[in-house]
Amino acid sequence: MSAASFPAVEGAAGAPSTDVDAAVEALRRGLLVGLPTETVYGLGADASNPTAVARVFAAKGRPADHPLIVHLHRAAQLPQWASHIPTAAWKLAEAFWPGPLTLVLPRAPGVLAAVTGGLDTVALRIPAHPLAQDVLEAFGGGIAAPSANRHKKISPTTAGDVREELGDAVALVLDGGACRVGIESTIVDVTTDEVRILRPGAIGAEDLQRVTGQAAVLAPGPSVRAPGRMNLHYAPQARVVLVPAGQVAEEIGHCLARRERVGVLSRQRAPAWPVEVPWLPLGTSPEEQARQLYRRLREADRLRLDVLIAVPPPDRGLGHALRDRLWRAAGLGDRLA
């Protein structure tokens, strides 16, 4: 699909540009570009340019030892970035790329240490969004693109989120509409004989096992250096409190007694909740909940809530990834696992 099928490129100040060529030119000049993917919007930079990569870390306020994900146009580029690609990696690439899966592989010589956070591995994926595909094809190289938000804050799922969050730090924002998936990619480490999930996402353990024939294991913990694994991450300004549906009314009462402005993030609103308490509907299906999650967390900020009470979805399928994001928004980190 051509870039002409999408809205015009917009700069941080809102000035329109013509097409994807403007984004490619900015990347080649070492500037940052807001890039839509099917998961969340990325903060794109030339992954082979040390100055551009440094701008990513500066714009996000991200620790230098936190690795970035490099986005590619096609799987044939893998040997340029990975020194060894096991059979399991090729199987997963064939099954899920383009798509919301990131593979962690041994890094090839010449890959910038800044991109890998100093690790001997590199995180790679091929996004499914047509506009991202257009940019990657025209650019020709790898684009480092972590989520286009400040470190530990809510990931952006619209071009407006990127502009609001990062402003003039981004040379261009490509507007590809709202993200189809809505949460970050599944990160899978295939550097050993195990298939290890470093970050859950839309592609779950059962999907991985079906393709590889191996049981995928969750590898959480503070020792794992991968995007999105901080104890506090994806966080709104409000304090996030996780409670079962049956305890929401009681928790609301505690918040109101402390004169806190409180809202509720859940599938349904209960009649017992006070009418003045804002309800942020999460949606009913897991797919809709993934698309709504970050939108609702940003809404909590716009409402200037002190406390957001969240009812986590069931811990199955995509619900596992959603619970992970909510746990981290609440500062609970790997307690989910």
Protein backbone atom coordinates (compact mmCIF):
# COMPACT_ATOMS: atom_id res chain seq x y z
CA MET A 1 0.00 0.00 0.00
CA SER A 2 1.39 3.40 -0.89
CA ALA A 3 1.95 6.25 1.52
CA ALA A 4 -0.70 8.21 -0.39
CA SER A 5 -3.31 5.91 1.22
CA PHE A 6 -2.53 7.43 4.62
CA PRO A 7 -2.95 10.89 6.17
CA ALA A 8 -0.18 13.40 5.51
CA VAL A 9 2.96 13.40 7.61
CA GLU A 10 2.72 16.00 10.33
CA GLY A 11 5.56 17.68 12.11
CA ALA A 12 5.73 18.34 15.82
CA ALA A 13 4.34 21.82 15.20
CA GLY A 14 1.52 20.44 13.05
CA ALA A 15 2.92 21.56 9.68
CA PRO A 16 1.92 19.09 6.96
CA SER A 17 4.44 17.29 4.78
CA THR A 18 3.88 15.29 1.62
CA ASP A 19 4.60 11.59 1.96
CA VAL A 20 6.74 8.88 3.47
CA ASP A 21 9.82 10.26 1.69
CA ALA A 22 9.91 13.10 4.23
CA ALA A 23 10.14 10.58 7.06
CA VAL A 24 12.92 8.68 5.31
CA GLU A 25 14.83 11.92 4.73
CA ALA A 26 14.50 12.80 8.42
CA LEU A 27 15.76 9.36 9.45
CA ARG A 28 18.77 9.66 7.14
CA ARG A 29 19.57 13.03 8.71
CA GLY A 30 19.66 11.38 12.14
CA LEU A 31 16.34 12.86 13.31
CA LEU A 32 13.48 11.15 15.13
CA VAL A 33 10.20 10.10 13.51
CA GLY A 34 6.93 9.03 15.11
CA LEU A 35 6.18 5.73 13.39
CA PRO A 36 2.83 3.89 13.52
CA THR A 37 2.87 0.13 14.01
CA GLU A 38 0.10 -2.34 14.69
CA THR A 39 1.09 -2.45 18.39
CA VAL A 40 1.90 1.12 19.52
CA TYR A 41 3.57 4.14 17.92
CA GLY A 42 7.35 3.94 17.88
CA LEU A 43 10.01 6.63 18.20
CA GLY A 44 11.99 5.80 15.07
CA ALA A 45 15.69 6.45 14.50
CA ASP A 46 18.38 5.09 12.20
CA ALA A 47 19.64 2.09 14.19
CA SER A 48 23.11 2.40 12.61
CA ASN A 49 23.56 6.08 13.54
CA PRO A 50 24.98 6.62 17.07
CA THR A 51 23.81 10.23 17.19
CA ALA A 52 20.26 9.30 16.20
CA VAL A 53 20.14 6.49 18.76
CA ALA A 54 21.39 8.87 21.46
CA ARG A 55 18.52 11.22 20.56
CA VAL A 56 16.05 8.40 21.26
CA PHE A 57 17.36 7.92 24.78
CA ALA A 58 17.43 11.67 25.41
CA ALA A 59 13.89 12.25 24.13
CA LYS A 60 12.47 9.42 26.23
CA GLY A 61 14.64 9.96 29.31
CA ARG A 62 15.43 6.25 29.00
CA PRO A 63 18.35 4.55 30.84
CA ALA A 64 21.25 3.82 28.49
CA ASP A 65 21.35 0.14 29.50
CA HIS A 66 17.75 -0.43 28.37
CA PRO A 67 17.83 -2.15 24.93
CA LEU A 68 15.88 -0.93 21.91
CA ILE A 69 13.95 -2.97 19.34
CA VAL A 70 15.20 -2.74 15.77
CA HIS A 71 12.46 -2.84 13.12
CA LEU A 72 13.19 -4.43 9.74
CA HIS A 73 11.36 -4.64 6.43
CA ARG A 74 11.90 -8.33 5.71
CA ALA A 75 13.30 -11.46 7.35
CA ALA A 76 16.10 -11.70 4.80
CA GLN A 77 17.75 -8.81 6.69
CA LEU A 78 18.16 -10.90 9.86
CA PRO A 79 21.75 -12.02 9.12
CA GLN A 80 22.80 -8.36 8.98
CA TRP A 81 21.76 -7.97 12.62
CA ALA A 82 22.04 -11.43 14.22
CA SER A 83 25.17 -13.59 14.27
CA HIS A 84 23.20 -16.81 14.69
CA ILE A 85 19.57 -17.54 13.83
CA PRO A 86 18.31 -20.86 15.22
CA THR A 87 15.62 -22.93 13.53
CA ALA A 88 13.04 -21.85 16.11
CA ALA A 89 13.62 -18.21 15.18
CA TRP A 90 13.07 -18.85 11.48
CA LYS A 91 9.87 -20.78 12.27
CA LEU A 92 8.53 -17.95 14.41
CA ALA A 93 9.49 -15.34 11.82
CA GLU A 94 7.70 -17.25 9.09
CA ALA A 95 4.58 -17.72 11.22
CA PHE A 96 4.22 -14.28 12.82
CA TRP A 97 6.08 -11.68 10.72
CA PRO A 98 5.00 -9.10 9.85
CA GLY A 99 3.33 -8.93 13.24
CA PRO A 100 3.54 -8.22 16.97
CA LEU A 101 6.48 -10.50 17.77
CA THR A 102 10.02 -9.44 18.71
CA LEU A 103 12.85 -11.98 18.56
CA VAL A 104 15.93 -11.66 20.75
CA LEU A 105 19.00 -13.11 18.98
CA PRO A 106 22.79 -12.96 19.35
CA ARG A 107 23.84 -9.64 17.91
CA ALA A 108 26.00 -9.46 14.79
CA PRO A 109 29.36 -7.64 14.74
CA GLY A 110 28.83 -3.98 13.98
CA VAL A 111 25.45 -3.65 15.72
CA LEU A 112 25.68 -0.57 17.95
CA ALA A 113 26.13 -1.36 21.63
CA ALA A 114 23.85 1.61 22.35
CA VAL A 115 21.00 -0.16 20.54
CA THR A 116 21.41 -3.35 22.58
CA GLY A 117 21.94 -1.63 25.91
CA GLY A 118 25.42 -3.16 26.01
CA LEU A 119 24.05 -6.71 25.78
CA ASP A 120 25.41 -9.35 23.39
CA THR A 121 21.89 -9.81 22.01
CA VAL A 122 19.68 -7.72 19.74
CA ALA A 123 15.87 -7.44 19.63
CA LEU A 124 14.34 -7.53 16.12
CA ARG A 125 10.89 -7.43 14.60
CA ILE A 126 8.96 -6.72 11.40
CA PRO A 127 5.87 -4.56 12.05
CA ALA A 128 2.61 -5.24 10.22
CA HIS A 129 1.40 -1.66 9.74
CA PRO A 130 1.47 -0.80 5.99
CA LEU A 131 2.83 2.68 6.61
CA ALA A 132 5.68 1.35 8.73
CA GLN A 133 6.36 -1.16 5.99
CA ASP A 134 6.54 1.66 3.42
CA VAL A 135 9.05 3.57 5.53
CA LEU A 136 11.21 0.52 6.21
CA GLU A 137 11.26 -0.48 2.54
CA ALA A 138 12.23 3.01 1.40
CA PHE A 139 14.78 3.49 4.18
CA GLY A 140 16.45 0.15 3.54
CA GLY A 141 18.09 -0.27 6.96
CA GLY A 142 17.02 -1.01 10.49
CA ILE A 143 14.96 1.49 12.47
CA ALA A 144 15.28 1.49 16.25
CA ALA A 145 11.79 2.31 17.48
CA PRO A 146 10.85 2.00 21.15
CA SER A 147 7.42 3.28 22.11
CA ALA A 148 7.15 7.03 21.49
CA ASN A 149 6.56 8.11 25.09
CA ARG A 150 8.55 9.29 28.07
CA HIS A 151 10.25 6.55 30.03
CA LYS A 152 7.83 4.53 32.20
CA LYS A 153 4.82 6.49 30.93
CA ILE A 154 1.84 5.37 28.85
CA SER A 155 2.60 4.05 25.39
CA PRO A 156 1.02 6.03 22.52
CA THR A 157 -1.60 4.46 20.26
CA THR A 158 -2.38 7.52 18.09
CA ALA A 159 -0.29 10.16 16.35
CA GLY A 160 -1.83 12.75 18.67
CA ASP A 161 -0.46 10.87 21.68
CA VAL A 162 3.05 11.15 20.22
CA ARG A 163 2.75 14.88 19.57
CA GLU A 164 1.32 15.47 23.04
CA GLU A 165 4.01 13.39 24.74
CA LEU A 166 7.20 14.34 22.89
CA GLY A 167 6.46 17.61 21.07
CA ASP A 168 9.43 19.13 19.25
CA ALA A 169 11.73 16.21 20.12
CA VAL A 170 10.19 14.43 17.11
CA ALA A 171 10.91 15.84 13.65
CA LEU A 172 7.88 14.16 12.04
CA VAL A 173 4.89 12.13 13.13
CA LEU A 174 3.39 9.81 10.55
CA ASP A 175 -0.32 9.47 11.21
CA GLY A 176 -1.40 5.90 10.52
CA GLY A 177 -4.56 6.01 12.63
CA ALA A 178 -5.20 4.18 15.90
CA CYS A 179 -3.06 1.09 16.49
CA ARG A 180 -4.85 -2.17 15.72
CA VAL A 181 -3.37 -4.25 18.57
CA GLY A 182 -2.85 -1.51 21.16
CA ILE A 183 -0.18 -3.07 23.40
CA GLU A 184 3.49 -3.77 22.76
CA SER A 185 4.82 -6.84 20.97
CA THR A 186 5.55 -10.18 22.59
CA ILE A 187 9.31 -10.42 23.17
CA VAL A 188 10.79 -13.91 22.82
CA ASP A 189 14.37 -14.90 23.57
CA VAL A 190 15.55 -17.67 21.25
CA THR A 191 19.26 -17.49 22.09
CA THR A 192 19.17 -20.76 24.04
CA ASP A 193 17.48 -24.13 23.62
CA GLU A 194 14.46 -22.69 25.43
CA VAL A 195 11.81 -20.39 23.98
CA ARG A 196 11.60 -17.72 26.67
CA ILE A 197 8.95 -15.01 26.84
CA LEU A 198 10.55 -11.80 28.13
CA ARG A 199 7.42 -9.70 27.68
CA PRO A 200 3.90 -11.04 27.07
CA GLY A 201 1.84 -9.64 24.23
CA ALA A 202 -0.81 -10.54 21.68
CA ILE A 203 1.10 -13.66 20.61
CA GLY A 204 0.85 -16.01 23.56
CA ALA A 205 2.69 -19.05 24.85
CA GLU A 206 0.28 -21.45 23.13
CA ASP A 207 0.86 -19.71 19.78
CA LEU A 208 4.62 -20.03 20.20
CA GLN A 209 4.43 -23.70 21.18
CA ARG A 210 2.19 -24.49 18.22
CA VAL A 211 4.84 -23.18 15.84
CA THR A 212 8.05 -24.35 17.52
CA GLY A 213 6.85 -27.57 19.15
CA GLN A 214 8.45 -26.35 22.40
CA ALA A 215 6.75 -25.14 25.54
CA ALA A 216 7.40 -21.41 25.93
CA VAL A 217 8.48 -20.35 29.42
CA LEU A 218 7.95 -16.96 31.05
CA ALA A 219 11.22 -15.37 32.12
CA PRO A 220 10.24 -12.40 34.29
CA GLY A 221 12.24 -10.71 36.98
CA PRO A 222 14.40 -7.63 37.56
CA SER A 223 17.43 -9.43 36.10
CA VAL A 224 15.78 -9.54 32.64
CA ARG A 225 16.80 -6.49 30.61
CA ALA A 226 14.10 -6.10 27.99
CA PRO A 227 11.74 -3.28 26.99
CA GLY A 228 8.79 -2.84 29.33
CA ARG A 229 10.18 -4.86 32.24
CA MET A 230 10.54 -2.08 34.81
CA ASN A 231 8.52 -2.58 37.99
CA LEU A 232 6.81 0.75 37.26
CA HIS A 233 5.88 1.16 33.61
CA TYR A 234 2.95 2.25 31.42
CA ALA A 235 1.91 4.48 34.32
CA PRO A 236 -0.56 7.39 34.38
CA GLN A 237 -0.25 10.26 36.86
CA ALA A 238 -2.95 8.67 39.01
CA ARG A 239 -2.10 5.97 41.51
CA VAL A 240 -3.32 2.68 40.03
CA VAL A 241 -4.98 0.27 42.46
CA LEU A 242 -5.88 -3.25 41.30
CA VAL A 243 -8.86 -4.91 42.95
CA PRO A 244 -11.36 -7.68 42.10
CA ALA A 245 -14.73 -6.52 40.77
CA GLY A 246 -16.47 -7.35 44.05
CA GLN A 247 -14.23 -4.99 46.04
CA VAL A 248 -14.51 -1.90 43.85
CA ALA A 249 -17.33 -0.25 45.83
CA GLU A 250 -15.41 -0.64 49.07
CA GLU A 251 -12.24 0.81 47.54
CA ILE A 252 -14.22 3.74 46.13
CA GLY A 253 -15.48 4.44 49.62
CA HIS A 254 -11.94 4.54 51.02
CA CYS A 255 -10.83 6.96 48.30
CA LEU A 256 -13.81 9.29 48.77
CA ALA A 257 -13.23 9.31 52.53
CA ARG A 258 -9.71 10.58 51.82
CA ARG A 259 -11.20 13.22 49.47
CA GLU A 260 -9.41 11.70 46.50
CA ARG A 261 -10.73 12.03 42.95
CA VAL A 262 -11.22 8.44 41.91
CA GLY A 263 -12.24 6.65 38.71
CA VAL A 264 -12.77 3.01 37.76
CA LEU A 265 -11.35 1.07 34.80
CA SER A 266 -13.38 -2.09 34.19
CA ARG A 267 -15.53 -4.05 31.76
CA GLN A 268 -18.80 -3.02 33.40
CA ARG A 269 -20.12 -0.35 35.71
CA ALA A 270 -21.92 -1.59 38.83
CA PRO A 271 -25.13 0.16 39.96
CA ALA A 272 -23.71 0.46 43.49
CA TRP A 273 -20.93 2.84 42.45
CA PRO A 274 -21.58 6.54 43.14
CA VAL A 275 -22.73 8.34 40.00
CA GLU A 276 -20.07 11.04 40.41
CA VAL A 277 -17.26 8.48 40.06
CA PRO A 278 -16.05 8.39 36.43
CA TRP A 279 -16.17 5.01 34.72
CA LEU A 280 -13.54 4.28 32.09
CA PRO A 281 -14.92 1.33 30.09
CA LEU A 282 -12.27 -1.21 29.14
CA GLY A 283 -14.35 -3.20 26.66
CA THR A 284 -15.60 -6.76 26.74
CA SER A 285 -13.39 -8.83 24.42
CA PRO A 286 -9.65 -9.17 25.14
CA GLU A 287 -8.85 -7.62 21.76
CA GLU A 288 -10.99 -4.56 22.49
CA GLN A 289 -9.48 -4.30 25.98
CA ALA A 290 -5.98 -4.22 24.47
CA ARG A 291 -6.99 -1.42 22.10
CA GLN A 292 -8.64 0.55 24.91
CA LEU A 293 -6.13 0.11 27.74
CA TYR A 294 -3.66 2.93 27.04
CA ARG A 295 -6.42 5.19 25.75
CA ARG A 296 -8.20 4.86 29.10
CA LEU A 297 -5.02 5.39 31.12
CA ARG A 298 -4.49 8.65 29.22
CA GLU A 299 -8.11 9.56 29.89
CA ALA A 300 -7.42 9.15 33.61
CA ASP A 301 -4.73 11.82 33.26
CA ARG A 302 -7.08 14.16 31.41
CA LEU A 303 -9.63 13.72 34.21
CA ARG A 304 -6.88 14.57 36.74
CA LEU A 305 -7.69 11.52 38.83
CA ASP A 306 -5.79 10.90 42.06
CA VAL A 307 -6.62 7.20 42.01
CA LEU A 308 -7.60 4.82 39.23
CA ILE A 309 -9.17 1.60 40.45
CA ALA A 310 -8.63 -1.10 37.84
CA VAL A 311 -10.28 -4.51 37.61
CA PRO A 312 -7.80 -6.83 35.85
CA PRO A 313 -9.15 -9.16 33.13
CA PRO A 314 -8.95 -12.96 33.56
CA ASP A 315 -5.44 -14.39 33.37
CA ARG A 316 -5.78 -16.31 30.13
CA GLY A 317 -4.79 -15.64 26.54
CA LEU A 318 -4.36 -11.96 25.80
CA GLY A 319 -5.57 -11.25 29.33
CA HIS A 320 -2.15 -12.32 30.61
CA ALA A 321 -0.46 -9.49 28.71
CA LEU A 322 -3.11 -6.99 29.82
CA ARG A 323 -2.63 -7.97 33.45
CA ASP A 324 1.12 -7.53 33.01
CA ARG A 325 0.61 -3.95 31.79
CA LEU A 326 -1.78 -3.15 34.64
CA TRP A 327 0.52 -4.67 37.24
CA ARG A 328 3.35 -2.47 36.01
CA ALA A 329 1.13 0.61 35.81
CA ALA A 330 0.44 -0.04 39.50
CA GLY A 331 4.16 -0.42 40.24
CA LEU A 332 3.83 -4.12 41.12
CA GLY A 333 6.22 -5.35 38.45
CA ASP A 334 6.69 -9.09 38.17
CA ARG A 335 4.23 -10.06 40.91
CA LEU A 336 1.97 -11.16 38.06
CA ALA A 337 4.26 -14.09 37.30
